[in-house]
Amino acid sequence: MKRASLPVVLLALVAGCASAEPAPPPVSGGLISTLPIGTYSCEMAGDAGGLVGKPLPDYEFRVVNASAYKAGGIRGSYLLTGDYVTMTGGKLKGLKLHRLKDTYLRKVEDNGSDGEMRCVRSSRR
């Protein structure tokens, strides 16, 4: 039995890869990513005569690792594709957020537009 030399094998592999089509993205909507770990406080905009923001403690959550969060003591999961976060499990399941900056999110309304509720990372823990 003859053995092919290493350069011949490598050349065959490179030639095969050159003609291959690029792989499609893993999911529609963009690349999968994660949010920075920390606590995200959510609020509605305030007014000039009162608070800068009206806190919404029921929506506060803490990203605990790659794709997991805790809200109200309940652990859940989220999926970040492109600039959109979808809470896929836990207390906030179904909530959709638009990431405008790494640590600044806006609620996505049913019609797809950015809503008034904003969530900002308030601490790194």
C-alpha atoms as a PDB file:
ATOM      1  CA  MET A   1       0.000   0.000   0.000  1.00  0.00           C
ATOM      2  CA  LYS A   2       1.371   3.416  -1.010  1.00  0.00           C
ATOM      3  CA  ARG A   3       1.200   6.411   1.276  1.00  0.00           C
ATOM      4  CA  ALA A   4       0.533   9.865  -0.101  1.00  0.00           C
ATOM      5  CA  SER A   5       3.062  12.457   0.889  1.00  0.00           C
ATOM      6  CA  LEU A   6       1.952  15.191   3.294  1.00  0.00           C
ATOM      7  CA  PRO A   7       2.234  18.023   0.709  1.00  0.00           C
ATOM      8  CA  VAL A   8      -0.039  16.114  -1.716  1.00  0.00           C
ATOM      9  CA  VAL A   9      -2.647  15.530   0.995  1.00  0.00           C
ATOM     10  CA  LEU A  10      -2.561  19.183   2.083  1.00  0.00           C
ATOM     11  CA  LEU A  11      -2.858  20.381  -1.511  1.00  0.00           C
ATOM     12  CA  ALA A  12      -5.911  18.165  -2.040  1.00  0.00           C
ATOM     13  CA  LEU A  13      -7.537  19.512   1.137  1.00  0.00           C
ATOM     14  CA  VAL A  14      -6.865  23.146   0.210  1.00  0.00           C
ATOM     15  CA  ALA A  15      -8.189  22.612  -3.327  1.00  0.00           C
ATOM     16  CA  GLY A  16     -11.371  21.075  -1.932  1.00  0.00           C
ATOM     17  CA  CYS A  17     -11.910  23.976   0.480  1.00  0.00           C
ATOM     18  CA  ALA A  18     -11.367  26.629  -2.182  1.00  0.00           C
ATOM     19  CA  SER A  19     -14.372  25.483  -4.158  1.00  0.00           C
ATOM     20  CA  ALA A  20     -16.672  25.071  -1.158  1.00  0.00           C
ATOM     21  CA  GLU A  21     -19.449  27.618  -0.650  1.00  0.00           C
ATOM     22  CA  PRO A  22     -19.324  29.673   2.562  1.00  0.00           C
ATOM     23  CA  ALA A  23     -21.508  28.346   5.331  1.00  0.00           C
ATOM     24  CA  PRO A  24     -24.736  30.271   6.017  1.00  0.00           C
ATOM     25  CA  PRO A  25     -25.129  32.016   9.386  1.00  0.00           C
ATOM     26  CA  PRO A  26     -26.163  29.586  12.148  1.00  0.00           C
ATOM     27  CA  VAL A  27     -29.478  31.356  12.750  1.00  0.00           C
ATOM     28  CA  SER A  28     -31.423  34.061  11.011  1.00  0.00           C
ATOM     29  CA  GLY A  29     -31.061  37.493  12.543  1.00  0.00           C
ATOM     30  CA  GLY A  30     -27.294  37.590  12.859  1.00  0.00           C
ATOM     31  CA  LEU A  31     -24.507  36.065  14.838  1.00  0.00           C
ATOM     32  CA  ILE A  32     -25.200  34.569  18.241  1.00  0.00           C
ATOM     33  CA  SER A  33     -23.559  36.465  21.088  1.00  0.00           C
ATOM     34  CA  THR A  34     -23.976  37.140  24.806  1.00  0.00           C
ATOM     35  CA  LEU A  35     -24.643  40.146  27.017  1.00  0.00           C
ATOM     36  CA  PRO A  36     -22.023  41.396  29.475  1.00  0.00           C
ATOM     37  CA  ILE A  37     -22.487  39.821  32.915  1.00  0.00           C
ATOM     38  CA  GLY A  38     -24.146  42.075  35.464  1.00  0.00           C
ATOM     39  CA  THR A  39     -27.430  43.468  36.731  1.00  0.00           C
ATOM     40  CA  TYR A  40     -29.701  45.278  34.285  1.00  0.00           C
ATOM     41  CA  SER A  41     -32.132  47.784  35.802  1.00  0.00           C
ATOM     42  CA  CYS A  42     -35.184  48.628  33.720  1.00  0.00           C
ATOM     43  CA  GLU A  43     -37.195  51.823  33.783  1.00  0.00           C
ATOM     44  CA  MET A  44     -39.562  54.082  31.917  1.00  0.00           C
ATOM     45  CA  ALA A  45     -38.481  57.605  31.082  1.00  0.00           C
ATOM     46  CA  GLY A  46     -39.354  60.159  33.754  1.00  0.00           C
ATOM     47  CA  ASP A  47     -40.357  63.765  33.297  1.00  0.00           C
ATOM     48  CA  ALA A  48     -38.720  67.124  33.890  1.00  0.00           C
ATOM     49  CA  GLY A  49     -40.595  67.673  37.147  1.00  0.00           C
ATOM     50  CA  GLY A  50     -39.796  64.355  38.798  1.00  0.00           C
ATOM     51  CA  LEU A  51     -37.543  61.341  38.583  1.00  0.00           C
ATOM     52  CA  VAL A  52     -35.175  60.913  35.656  1.00  0.00           C
ATOM     53  CA  GLY A  53     -36.573  57.395  35.264  1.00  0.00           C
ATOM     54  CA  LYS A  54     -39.427  55.413  36.789  1.00  0.00           C
ATOM     55  CA  PRO A  55     -37.955  52.091  37.982  1.00  0.00           C
ATOM     56  CA  LEU A  56     -39.622  48.837  36.868  1.00  0.00           C
ATOM     57  CA  PRO A  57     -38.279  46.308  39.405  1.00  0.00           C
ATOM     58  CA  ASP A  58     -40.380  43.467  37.908  1.00  0.00           C
ATOM     59  CA  TYR A  59     -38.184  43.604  34.792  1.00  0.00           C
ATOM     60  CA  GLU A  60     -34.794  43.817  36.538  1.00  0.00           C
ATOM     61  CA  PHE A  61     -32.551  40.880  35.660  1.00  0.00           C
ATOM     62  CA  ARG A  62     -28.992  39.719  36.197  1.00  0.00           C
ATOM     63  CA  VAL A  63     -26.959  38.002  33.487  1.00  0.00           C
ATOM     64  CA  VAL A  64     -25.136  35.249  35.383  1.00  0.00           C
ATOM     65  CA  ASN A  65     -23.204  33.568  32.565  1.00  0.00           C
ATOM     66  CA  ALA A  66     -23.102  33.092  28.810  1.00  0.00           C
ATOM     67  CA  SER A  67     -26.825  32.748  28.096  1.00  0.00           C
ATOM     68  CA  ALA A  68     -28.459  32.583  31.520  1.00  0.00           C
ATOM     69  CA  TYR A  69     -30.097  35.256  33.642  1.00  0.00           C
ATOM     70  CA  LYS A  70     -31.917  35.485  36.959  1.00  0.00           C
ATOM     71  CA  ALA A  71     -35.007  37.578  37.617  1.00  0.00           C
ATOM     72  CA  GLY A  72     -37.030  37.435  40.799  1.00  0.00           C
ATOM     73  CA  GLY A  73     -34.902  34.513  42.022  1.00  0.00           C
ATOM     74  CA  ILE A  74     -35.819  32.418  38.968  1.00  0.00           C
ATOM     75  CA  ARG A  75     -33.145  31.319  36.521  1.00  0.00           C
ATOM     76  CA  GLY A  76     -33.898  31.681  32.824  1.00  0.00           C
ATOM     77  CA  SER A  77     -32.194  31.694  29.464  1.00  0.00           C
ATOM     78  CA  TYR A  78     -31.884  34.227  26.682  1.00  0.00           C
ATOM     79  CA  LEU A  79     -30.773  34.275  23.066  1.00  0.00           C
ATOM     80  CA  LEU A  80     -28.896  37.229  21.581  1.00  0.00           C
ATOM     81  CA  THR A  81     -28.834  37.185  17.779  1.00  0.00           C
ATOM     82  CA  GLY A  82     -27.452  40.234  16.065  1.00  0.00           C
ATOM     83  CA  ASP A  83     -28.766  43.121  18.162  1.00  0.00           C
ATOM     84  CA  TYR A  84     -31.928  41.435  19.475  1.00  0.00           C
ATOM     85  CA  VAL A  85     -32.312  39.644  22.807  1.00  0.00           C
ATOM     86  CA  THR A  86     -35.156  37.191  23.360  1.00  0.00           C
ATOM     87  CA  MET A  87     -35.806  35.810  26.830  1.00  0.00           C
ATOM     88  CA  THR A  88     -36.453  32.148  26.039  1.00  0.00           C
ATOM     89  CA  GLY A  89     -37.096  30.841  29.549  1.00  0.00           C
ATOM     90  CA  GLY A  90     -37.631  31.968  33.123  1.00  0.00           C
ATOM     91  CA  LYS A  91     -39.661  34.803  34.600  1.00  0.00           C
ATOM     92  CA  LEU A  92     -39.194  37.137  31.599  1.00  0.00           C
ATOM     93  CA  LYS A  93     -39.867  34.489  28.930  1.00  0.00           C
ATOM     94  CA  GLY A  94     -41.112  36.143  25.741  1.00  0.00           C
ATOM     95  CA  LEU A  95     -39.610  39.576  26.475  1.00  0.00           C
ATOM     96  CA  LYS A  96     -37.763  40.975  23.452  1.00  0.00           C
ATOM     97  CA  LEU A  97     -35.118  43.671  23.734  1.00  0.00           C
ATOM     98  CA  HIS A  98     -33.130  45.642  21.168  1.00  0.00           C
ATOM     99  CA  ARG A  99     -29.453  46.127  22.046  1.00  0.00           C
ATOM    100  CA  LEU A 100     -28.445  49.677  21.146  1.00  0.00           C
ATOM    101  CA  LYS A 101     -25.094  49.506  22.989  1.00  0.00           C
ATOM    102  CA  ASP A 102     -23.374  46.681  24.862  1.00  0.00           C
ATOM    103  CA  THR A 103     -25.126  47.600  28.100  1.00  0.00           C
ATOM    104  CA  TYR A 104     -28.190  49.561  26.881  1.00  0.00           C
ATOM    105  CA  LEU A 105     -31.374  47.792  25.754  1.00  0.00           C
ATOM    106  CA  ARG A 106     -34.857  48.905  24.669  1.00  0.00           C
ATOM    107  CA  LYS A 107     -38.005  46.797  24.840  1.00  0.00           C
ATOM    108  CA  VAL A 108     -39.258  45.707  21.408  1.00  0.00           C
ATOM    109  CA  GLU A 109     -42.987  46.366  21.018  1.00  0.00           C
ATOM    110  CA  ASP A 110     -45.383  43.970  19.247  1.00  0.00           C
ATOM    111  CA  ASN A 111     -45.124  46.035  16.046  1.00  0.00           C
ATOM    112  CA  GLY A 112     -41.295  45.637  16.056  1.00  0.00           C
ATOM    113  CA  SER A 113     -40.470  49.212  17.063  1.00  0.00           C
ATOM    114  CA  ASP A 114     -38.363  50.208  20.068  1.00  0.00           C
ATOM    115  CA  GLY A 115     -40.571  50.888  23.068  1.00  0.00           C
ATOM    116  CA  GLU A 116     -40.194  53.324  25.952  1.00  0.00           C
ATOM    117  CA  MET A 117     -38.858  50.812  28.490  1.00  0.00           C
ATOM    118  CA  ARG A 118     -35.083  50.812  28.688  1.00  0.00           C
ATOM    119  CA  CYS A 119     -32.745  48.463  30.529  1.00  0.00           C
ATOM    120  CA  VAL A 120     -29.237  49.530  31.455  1.00  0.00           C
ATOM    121  CA  ARG A 121     -26.510  47.489  33.126  1.00  0.00           C
ATOM    122  CA  SER A 122     -26.357  49.083  36.549  1.00  0.00           C
ATOM    123  CA  SER A 123     -23.657  46.865  38.081  1.00  0.00           C
ATOM    124  CA  ARG A 124     -21.175  44.232  36.995  1.00  0.00           C
ATOM    125  CA  ARG A 125     -22.557  41.707  39.489  1.00  0.00           C
END
